[in-house]
PDB file of N, CA and C in Angstrom:
ATOM      1  N   UNK A   1      -4.934  75.484 -62.119  1.00  0.00           N
ATOM      2  CA  UNK A   1      -6.055  75.243 -61.202  1.00  0.00           C
ATOM      3  C   UNK A   1      -5.800  75.604 -59.945  1.00  0.00           C
ATOM      4  N   UNK A   2      -4.435  76.099 -59.497  1.00  0.00           N
ATOM      5  CA  UNK A   2      -4.158  76.792 -58.159  1.00  0.00           C
ATOM      6  C   UNK A   2      -4.898  78.166 -58.116  1.00  0.00           C
ATOM      7  N   UNK A   3      -4.771  78.772 -59.250  1.00  0.00           N
ATOM      8  CA  UNK A   3      -5.413  80.214 -59.214  1.00  0.00           C
ATOM      9  C   UNK A   3      -7.124  80.000 -59.178  1.00  0.00           C
ATOM     10  N   UNK A   4      -7.860  78.942 -59.592  1.00  0.00           N
ATOM     11  CA  UNK A   4      -9.140  78.850 -59.462  1.00  0.00           C
ATOM     12  C   UNK A   4      -9.166  78.735 -57.745  1.00  0.00           C
ATOM     13  N   UNK A   5      -8.656  77.884 -57.121  1.00  0.00           N
ATOM     14  CA  UNK A   5      -8.866  77.670 -55.608  1.00  0.00           C
ATOM     15  C   UNK A   5      -8.557  78.971 -54.923  1.00  0.00           C
ATOM     16  N   UNK A   6      -7.388  79.824 -55.498  1.00  0.00           N
ATOM     17  CA  UNK A   6      -7.061  81.064 -54.883  1.00  0.00           C
ATOM     18  C   UNK A   6      -8.343  82.106 -54.985  1.00  0.00           C
ATOM     19  N   UNK A   7      -8.760  82.079 -56.119  1.00  0.00           N
ATOM     20  CA  UNK A   7     -10.149  82.766 -56.642  1.00  0.00           C
ATOM     21  C   UNK A   7     -11.057  82.443 -55.832  1.00  0.00           C
ATOM     22  N   UNK A   8     -11.430  81.098 -55.671  1.00  0.00           N
ATOM     23  CA  UNK A   8     -12.537  80.699 -54.766  1.00  0.00           C
ATOM     24  C   UNK A   8     -12.448  81.174 -53.217  1.00  0.00           C
ATOM     25  N   UNK A   9     -11.239  80.982 -52.823  1.00  0.00           N
ATOM     26  CA  UNK A   9     -10.965  81.513 -51.350  1.00  0.00           C
ATOM     27  C   UNK A   9     -11.197  82.957 -51.201  1.00  0.00           C
ATOM     28  N   UNK A  10     -10.898  83.646 -52.103  1.00  0.00           N
ATOM     29  CA  UNK A  10     -11.184  84.986 -52.026  1.00  0.00           C
ATOM     30  C   UNK A  10     -12.383  85.445 -52.444  1.00  0.00           C
ATOM     31  N   UNK A  11     -13.244  84.851 -53.049  1.00  0.00           N
ATOM     32  CA  UNK A  11     -14.672  85.255 -53.173  1.00  0.00           C
ATOM     33  C   UNK A  11     -15.550  84.804 -51.793  1.00  0.00           C
ATOM     34  N   UNK A  12     -14.964  83.966 -51.055  1.00  0.00           N
ATOM     35  CA  UNK A  12     -16.069  83.711 -49.798  1.00  0.00           C
ATOM     36  C   UNK A  12     -15.169  84.095 -48.657  1.00  0.00           C
ATOM     37  N   UNK A  13     -14.049  84.911 -48.908  1.00  0.00           N
ATOM     38  CA  UNK A  13     -13.439  85.432 -47.667  1.00  0.00           C
ATOM     39  C   UNK A  13     -14.329  86.432 -46.969  1.00  0.00           C
ATOM     40  N   UNK A  14     -14.342  86.074 -45.455  1.00  0.00           N
ATOM     41  CA  UNK A  14     -15.211  87.207 -44.730  1.00  0.00           C
ATOM     42  C   UNK A  14     -16.660  86.375 -44.350  1.00  0.00           C
ATOM     43  N   UNK A  15     -16.987  85.459 -45.349  1.00  0.00           N
ATOM     44  CA  UNK A  15     -18.262  84.817 -45.021  1.00  0.00           C
ATOM     45  C   UNK A  15     -17.922  83.654 -44.113  1.00  0.00           C
ATOM     46  N   UNK A  16     -18.936  83.247 -43.119  1.00  0.00           N
ATOM     47  CA  UNK A  16     -18.723  82.370 -42.255  1.00  0.00           C
ATOM     48  C   UNK A  16     -19.372  80.920 -42.714  1.00  0.00           C
ATOM     49  N   UNK A  17     -18.435  80.134 -42.793  1.00  0.00           N
ATOM     50  CA  UNK A  17     -18.506  78.913 -43.467  1.00  0.00           C
ATOM     51  C   UNK A  17     -18.863  77.892 -42.455  1.00  0.00           C
ATOM     52  N   UNK A  18     -19.968  77.955 -41.960  1.00  0.00           N
ATOM     53  CA  UNK A  18     -20.468  77.248 -40.759  1.00  0.00           C
ATOM     54  C   UNK A  18     -21.152  75.997 -41.002  1.00  0.00           C
ATOM     55  N   UNK A  19     -21.613  75.803 -42.238  1.00  0.00           N
ATOM     56  CA  UNK A  19     -22.249  74.551 -42.592  1.00  0.00           C
ATOM     57  C   UNK A  19     -22.113  74.013 -43.886  1.00  0.00           C
ATOM     58  N   UNK A  20     -22.427  72.908 -44.457  1.00  0.00           N
ATOM     59  CA  UNK A  20     -21.943  72.372 -45.763  1.00  0.00           C
ATOM     60  C   UNK A  20     -23.000  73.031 -46.846  1.00  0.00           C
ATOM     61  N   UNK A  21     -24.096  73.441 -46.454  1.00  0.00           N
ATOM     62  CA  UNK A  21     -24.998  74.353 -47.323  1.00  0.00           C
ATOM     63  C   UNK A  21     -24.549  75.423 -47.531  1.00  0.00           C
ATOM     64  N   UNK A  22     -23.874  76.130 -46.498  1.00  0.00           N
ATOM     65  CA  UNK A  22     -23.188  77.751 -46.927  1.00  0.00           C
ATOM     66  C   UNK A  22     -22.029  77.427 -47.562  1.00  0.00           C
ATOM     67  N   UNK A  23     -21.284  76.571 -47.572  1.00  0.00           N
ATOM     68  CA  UNK A  23     -20.046  76.251 -48.354  1.00  0.00           C
ATOM     69  C   UNK A  23     -20.563  75.880 -49.780  1.00  0.00           C
ATOM     70  N   UNK A  24     -21.432  74.853 -49.902  1.00  0.00           N
ATOM     71  CA  UNK A  24     -22.045  74.626 -51.346  1.00  0.00           C
ATOM     72  C   UNK A  24     -22.554  75.846 -51.923  1.00  0.00           C
ATOM     73  N   UNK A  25     -23.391  76.698 -51.262  1.00  0.00           N
ATOM     74  CA  UNK A  25     -23.982  77.858 -51.978  1.00  0.00           C
ATOM     75  C   UNK A  25     -22.831  78.703 -52.378  1.00  0.00           C
ATOM     76  N   UNK A  26     -21.795  79.167 -51.467  1.00  0.00           N
ATOM     77  CA  UNK A  26     -20.654  79.935 -51.799  1.00  0.00           C
ATOM     78  C   UNK A  26     -20.122  79.404 -53.128  1.00  0.00           C
ATOM     79  N   UNK A  27     -19.688  78.439 -53.054  1.00  0.00           N
ATOM     80  CA  UNK A  27     -18.985  77.701 -54.120  1.00  0.00           C
ATOM     81  C   UNK A  27     -19.931  77.571 -55.305  1.00  0.00           C
ATOM     82  N   UNK A  28     -21.035  77.412 -55.057  1.00  0.00           N
ATOM     83  CA  UNK A  28     -21.955  77.423 -56.370  1.00  0.00           C
ATOM     84  C   UNK A  28     -22.068  78.820 -57.277  1.00  0.00           C
ATOM     85  N   UNK A  29     -21.787  79.887 -56.608  1.00  0.00           N
ATOM     86  CA  UNK A  29     -22.027  80.810 -57.243  1.00  0.00           C
ATOM     87  C   UNK A  29     -21.038  81.621 -57.720  1.00  0.00           C
ATOM     88  N   UNK A  30     -19.683  80.909 -57.500  1.00  0.00           N
ATOM     89  CA  UNK A  30     -18.291  81.223 -57.869  1.00  0.00           C
ATOM     90  C   UNK A  30     -18.217  81.266 -59.454  1.00  0.00           C
ATOM     91  N   UNK A  31     -17.585  82.294 -60.005  1.00  0.00           N
ATOM     92  CA  UNK A  31     -17.401  82.313 -61.519  1.00  0.00           C
ATOM     93  C   UNK A  31     -15.983  82.467 -61.660  1.00  0.00           C
ATOM     94  N   UNK A  32     -15.370  81.701 -62.716  1.00  0.00           N
ATOM     95  CA  UNK A  32     -13.995  81.871 -62.963  1.00  0.00           C
ATOM     96  C   UNK A  32     -13.718  81.708 -64.267  1.00  0.00           C
ATOM     97  N   UNK A  33     -13.124  82.748 -64.744  1.00  0.00           N
ATOM     98  CA  UNK A  33     -12.927  83.102 -66.263  1.00  0.00           C
ATOM     99  C   UNK A  33     -14.223  82.863 -67.123  1.00  0.00           C
ATOM    100  N   UNK A  34     -15.319  83.408 -66.622  1.00  0.00           N
ATOM    101  CA  UNK A  34     -16.547  83.282 -67.391  1.00  0.00           C
ATOM    102  C   UNK A  34     -17.310  82.017 -67.148  1.00  0.00           C
ATOM    103  N   UNK A  35     -16.778  81.051 -66.350  1.00  0.00           N
ATOM    104  CA  UNK A  35     -17.503  79.979 -66.256  1.00  0.00           C
ATOM    105  C   UNK A  35     -18.127  79.640 -64.557  1.00  0.00           C
ATOM    106  N   UNK A  36     -19.209  79.326 -64.711  1.00  0.00           N
ATOM    107  CA  UNK A  36     -19.761  79.130 -63.164  1.00  0.00           C
ATOM    108  C   UNK A  36     -19.474  77.798 -62.750  1.00  0.00           C
ATOM    109  N   UNK A  37     -18.972  77.772 -61.366  1.00  0.00           N
ATOM    110  CA  UNK A  37     -18.435  76.452 -60.699  1.00  0.00           C
ATOM    111  C   UNK A  37     -19.562  75.529 -60.687  1.00  0.00           C
ATOM    112  N   UNK A  38     -19.374  74.273 -61.067  1.00  0.00           N
ATOM    113  CA  UNK A  38     -20.354  73.184 -60.885  1.00  0.00           C
ATOM    114  C   UNK A  38     -20.153  72.422 -59.372  1.00  0.00           C
ATOM    115  N   UNK A  39     -20.904  72.648 -58.523  1.00  0.00           N
ATOM    116  CA  UNK A  39     -20.637  71.910 -57.255  1.00  0.00           C
ATOM    117  C   UNK A  39     -21.661  70.951 -56.741  1.00  0.00           C
ATOM    118  N   UNK A  40     -20.928  69.851 -56.064  1.00  0.00           N
ATOM    119  CA  UNK A  40     -21.876  68.887 -55.790  1.00  0.00           C
ATOM    120  C   UNK A  40     -21.179  68.196 -54.239  1.00  0.00           C
ATOM    121  N   UNK A  41     -22.104  67.626 -53.602  1.00  0.00           N
ATOM    122  CA  UNK A  41     -21.551  66.968 -52.500  1.00  0.00           C
ATOM    123  C   UNK A  41     -21.503  65.542 -52.571  1.00  0.00           C
ATOM    124  N   UNK A  42     -20.284  64.957 -52.273  1.00  0.00           N
ATOM    125  CA  UNK A  42     -19.918  63.674 -52.313  1.00  0.00           C
ATOM    126  C   UNK A  42     -20.693  62.969 -51.401  1.00  0.00           C
ATOM    127  N   UNK A  43     -21.410  61.554 -51.920  1.00  0.00           N
ATOM    128  CA  UNK A  43     -22.072  60.918 -51.174  1.00  0.00           C
ATOM    129  C   UNK A  43     -21.190  59.609 -50.454  1.00  0.00           C
ATOM    130  N   UNK A  44     -21.514  59.585 -49.049  1.00  0.00           N
ATOM    131  CA  UNK A  44     -20.631  58.517 -48.297  1.00  0.00           C
ATOM    132  C   UNK A  44     -19.245  59.204 -47.894  1.00  0.00           C
ATOM    133  N   UNK A  45     -18.282  58.117 -47.611  1.00  0.00           N
ATOM    134  CA  UNK A  45     -17.169  58.693 -46.999  1.00  0.00           C
ATOM    135  C   UNK A  45     -16.073  58.403 -48.279  1.00  0.00           C
ATOM    136  N   UNK A  46     -14.894  59.462 -48.160  1.00  0.00           N
ATOM    137  CA  UNK A  46     -14.032  59.501 -49.086  1.00  0.00           C
ATOM    138  C   UNK A  46     -12.857  58.307 -48.598  1.00  0.00           C
ATOM    139  N   UNK A  47     -12.857  57.149 -49.199  1.00  0.00           N
ATOM    140  CA  UNK A  47     -12.088  56.284 -49.045  1.00  0.00           C
ATOM    141  C   UNK A  47     -10.566  56.661 -49.387  1.00  0.00           C
ATOM    142  N   UNK A  48      -9.497  56.053 -48.280  1.00  0.00           N
ATOM    143  CA  UNK A  48      -8.278  56.285 -48.645  1.00  0.00           C
ATOM    144  C   UNK A  48      -7.526  54.963 -49.339  1.00  0.00           C
ATOM    145  N   UNK A  49      -6.500  55.168 -49.895  1.00  0.00           N
ATOM    146  CA  UNK A  49      -5.871  53.921 -50.530  1.00  0.00           C
ATOM    147  C   UNK A  49      -6.411  53.522 -51.769  1.00  0.00           C
ATOM    148  N   UNK A  50      -7.201  54.042 -52.427  1.00  0.00           N
ATOM    149  CA  UNK A  50      -7.859  53.399 -53.479  1.00  0.00           C
ATOM    150  C   UNK A  50      -6.826  53.907 -54.867  1.00  0.00           C
ATOM    151  N   UNK A  51      -6.807  52.603 -55.665  1.00  0.00           N
ATOM    152  CA  UNK A  51      -5.863  52.812 -56.702  1.00  0.00           C
ATOM    153  C   UNK A  51      -6.301  52.811 -58.049  1.00  0.00           C
ATOM    154  N   UNK A  52      -5.887  53.282 -59.074  1.00  0.00           N
ATOM    155  CA  UNK A  52      -6.607  53.425 -60.348  1.00  0.00           C
ATOM    156  C   UNK A  52      -5.921  52.077 -61.065  1.00  0.00           C
ATOM    157  N   UNK A  53      -6.649  51.454 -62.106  1.00  0.00           N
ATOM    158  CA  UNK A  53      -6.088  50.402 -62.738  1.00  0.00           C
ATOM    159  C   UNK A  53      -5.088  51.142 -63.887  1.00  0.00           C
ATOM    160  N   UNK A  54      -4.146  50.342 -64.363  1.00  0.00           N
ATOM    161  CA  UNK A  54      -3.132  50.634 -65.127  1.00  0.00           C
ATOM    162  C   UNK A  54      -3.860  51.378 -66.555  1.00  0.00           C
ATOM    163  N   UNK A  55      -5.082  51.082 -67.081  1.00  0.00           N
ATOM    164  CA  UNK A  55      -5.432  52.061 -68.273  1.00  0.00           C
ATOM    165  C   UNK A  55      -5.994  53.217 -67.825  1.00  0.00           C
ATOM    166  N   UNK A  56      -6.408  53.343 -66.442  1.00  0.00           N
ATOM    167  CA  UNK A  56      -7.040  54.648 -66.007  1.00  0.00           C
ATOM    168  C   UNK A  56      -5.668  55.395 -65.678  1.00  0.00           C
ATOM    169  N   UNK A  57      -4.698  55.179 -65.239  1.00  0.00           N
ATOM    170  CA  UNK A  57      -3.419  55.731 -65.118  1.00  0.00           C
ATOM    171  C   UNK A  57      -2.850  56.440 -66.323  1.00  0.00           C
ATOM    172  N   UNK A  58      -2.858  55.528 -67.396  1.00  0.00           N
ATOM    173  CA  UNK A  58      -2.279  56.092 -68.778  1.00  0.00           C
ATOM    174  C   UNK A  58      -3.276  57.095 -69.217  1.00  0.00           C
ATOM    175  N   UNK A  59      -4.625  56.909 -69.067  1.00  0.00           N
ATOM    176  CA  UNK A  59      -5.534  57.881 -69.518  1.00  0.00           C
ATOM    177  C   UNK A  59      -5.210  59.272 -68.937  1.00  0.00           C
ATOM    178  N   UNK A  60      -5.238  59.317 -67.478  1.00  0.00           N
ATOM    179  CA  UNK A  60      -4.840  60.317 -66.653  1.00  0.00           C
ATOM    180  C   UNK A  60      -3.499  60.915 -67.219  1.00  0.00           C
ATOM    181  N   UNK A  61      -2.460  60.170 -67.343  1.00  0.00           N
ATOM    182  CA  UNK A  61      -1.264  60.495 -67.680  1.00  0.00           C
ATOM    183  C   UNK A  61      -1.210  61.337 -69.072  1.00  0.00           C
ATOM    184  N   UNK A  62      -2.200  60.987 -69.971  1.00  0.00           N
ATOM    185  CA  UNK A  62      -2.140  61.714 -71.207  1.00  0.00           C
ATOM    186  C   UNK A  62      -2.641  63.140 -71.007  1.00  0.00           C
ATOM    187  N   UNK A  63      -3.325  63.282 -70.095  1.00  0.00           N
ATOM    188  CA  UNK A  63      -3.963  64.635 -70.005  1.00  0.00           C
ATOM    189  C   UNK A  63      -3.104  65.586 -69.008  1.00  0.00           C
ATOM    190  N   UNK A  64      -1.969  65.144 -68.430  1.00  0.00           N
ATOM    191  CA  UNK A  64      -1.033  65.967 -67.478  1.00  0.00           C
ATOM    192  C   UNK A  64      -0.205  66.824 -68.603  1.00  0.00           C
ATOM    193  N   UNK A  65       0.040  67.940 -67.960  1.00  0.00           N
ATOM    194  CA  UNK A  65       1.090  68.851 -68.669  1.00  0.00           C
ATOM    195  C   UNK A  65       1.900  69.562 -67.660  1.00  0.00           C
ATOM    196  N   UNK A  66       3.065  69.029 -67.438  1.00  0.00           N
ATOM    197  CA  UNK A  66       4.228  69.388 -66.600  1.00  0.00           C
ATOM    198  C   UNK A  66       5.054  70.466 -66.971  1.00  0.00           C
ATOM    199  N   UNK A  67       5.164  71.340 -66.044  1.00  0.00           N
ATOM    200  CA  UNK A  67       6.045  72.390 -66.220  1.00  0.00           C
ATOM    201  C   UNK A  67       7.536  72.100 -66.582  1.00  0.00           C
ATOM    202  N   UNK A  68       8.221  72.645 -67.504  1.00  0.00           N
ATOM    203  CA  UNK A  68       9.794  72.299 -67.609  1.00  0.00           C
ATOM    204  C   UNK A  68      10.631  72.604 -66.402  1.00  0.00           C
ATOM    205  N   UNK A  69      10.252  73.973 -65.923  1.00  0.00           N
ATOM    206  CA  UNK A  69      10.888  74.462 -64.512  1.00  0.00           C
ATOM    207  C   UNK A  69      11.016  73.881 -63.454  1.00  0.00           C
ATOM    208  N   UNK A  70       9.505  73.386 -63.185  1.00  0.00           N
ATOM    209  CA  UNK A  70       8.938  72.691 -61.865  1.00  0.00           C
ATOM    210  C   UNK A  70       8.261  71.426 -62.328  1.00  0.00           C
ATOM    211  N   UNK A  71       9.159  70.349 -62.837  1.00  0.00           N
ATOM    212  CA  UNK A  71       8.575  69.184 -63.182  1.00  0.00           C
ATOM    213  C   UNK A  71       7.382  68.462 -62.334  1.00  0.00           C
ATOM    214  N   UNK A  72       8.057  68.239 -61.087  1.00  0.00           N
ATOM    215  CA  UNK A  72       7.172  67.562 -60.291  1.00  0.00           C
ATOM    216  C   UNK A  72       6.353  68.055 -59.281  1.00  0.00           C
ATOM    217  N   UNK A  73       6.362  69.712 -59.437  1.00  0.00           N
ATOM    218  CA  UNK A  73       5.519  70.268 -58.425  1.00  0.00           C
ATOM    219  C   UNK A  73       4.380  71.342 -59.165  1.00  0.00           C
ATOM    220  N   UNK A  74       4.496  71.513 -60.846  1.00  0.00           N
ATOM    221  CA  UNK A  74       3.627  72.292 -61.123  1.00  0.00           C
ATOM    222  C   UNK A  74       3.115  71.285 -62.170  1.00  0.00           C
ATOM    223  N   UNK A  75       1.709  71.042 -62.142  1.00  0.00           N
ATOM    224  CA  UNK A  75       1.203  70.080 -63.092  1.00  0.00           C
ATOM    225  C   UNK A  75      -0.204  70.436 -63.540  1.00  0.00           C
ATOM    226  N   UNK A  76      -0.576  70.615 -64.626  1.00  0.00           N
ATOM    227  CA  UNK A  76      -1.951  71.242 -65.099  1.00  0.00           C
ATOM    228  C   UNK A  76      -2.571  69.826 -65.569  1.00  0.00           C
ATOM    229  N   UNK A  77      -3.621  69.544 -64.998  1.00  0.00           N
ATOM    230  CA  UNK A  77      -4.491  68.336 -65.707  1.00  0.00           C
ATOM    231  C   UNK A  77      -5.557  68.978 -66.597  1.00  0.00           C
ATOM    232  N   UNK A  78      -5.582  68.752 -67.848  1.00  0.00           N
ATOM    233  CA  UNK A  78      -6.514  69.089 -68.851  1.00  0.00           C
ATOM    234  C   UNK A  78      -7.852  68.475 -68.616  1.00  0.00           C
ATOM    235  N   UNK A  79      -8.965  69.250 -68.507  1.00  0.00           N
ATOM    236  CA  UNK A  79     -10.273  68.573 -68.120  1.00  0.00           C
ATOM    237  C   UNK A  79     -10.533  67.441 -69.328  1.00  0.00           C
ATOM    238  N   UNK A  80     -11.400  66.575 -68.756  1.00  0.00           N
ATOM    239  CA  UNK A  80     -12.003  65.474 -69.540  1.00  0.00           C
ATOM    240  C   UNK A  80     -13.054  66.057 -70.714  1.00  0.00           C
ATOM    241  N   UNK A  81     -12.949  65.675 -71.763  1.00  0.00           N
ATOM    242  CA  UNK A  81     -14.059  66.268 -72.780  1.00  0.00           C
ATOM    243  C   UNK A  81     -15.070  65.576 -72.561  1.00  0.00           C
ATOM    244  N   UNK A  82     -16.264  66.139 -72.666  1.00  0.00           N
ATOM    245  CA  UNK A  82     -17.569  65.421 -72.359  1.00  0.00           C
ATOM    246  C   UNK A  82     -18.481  65.654 -73.693  1.00  0.00           C
ATOM    247  N   UNK A  83     -19.178  64.799 -74.178  1.00  0.00           N
ATOM    248  CA  UNK A  83     -19.797  65.161 -75.467  1.00  0.00           C
ATOM    249  C   UNK A  83     -21.195  65.015 -75.321  1.00  0.00           C
TER     250      UNK A  83
END
């Protein structure tokens, strides 16, 4: 996932990101490994301190793939399957 963010940063390098509209447009045209990014603006304020229920944590942990070399610092989260 970190490579995705690095690619996004590189793609908008040199652009003046002076508004939400500009950021959404630039991110919306970004393509990574043949897939176009899906971009949306969160409604409202992001709340801190929200915790997941135990079953949600369990579900998320099933999608984690930890590196054997960097166990706590290198984690890949497999995307949710949408049918």
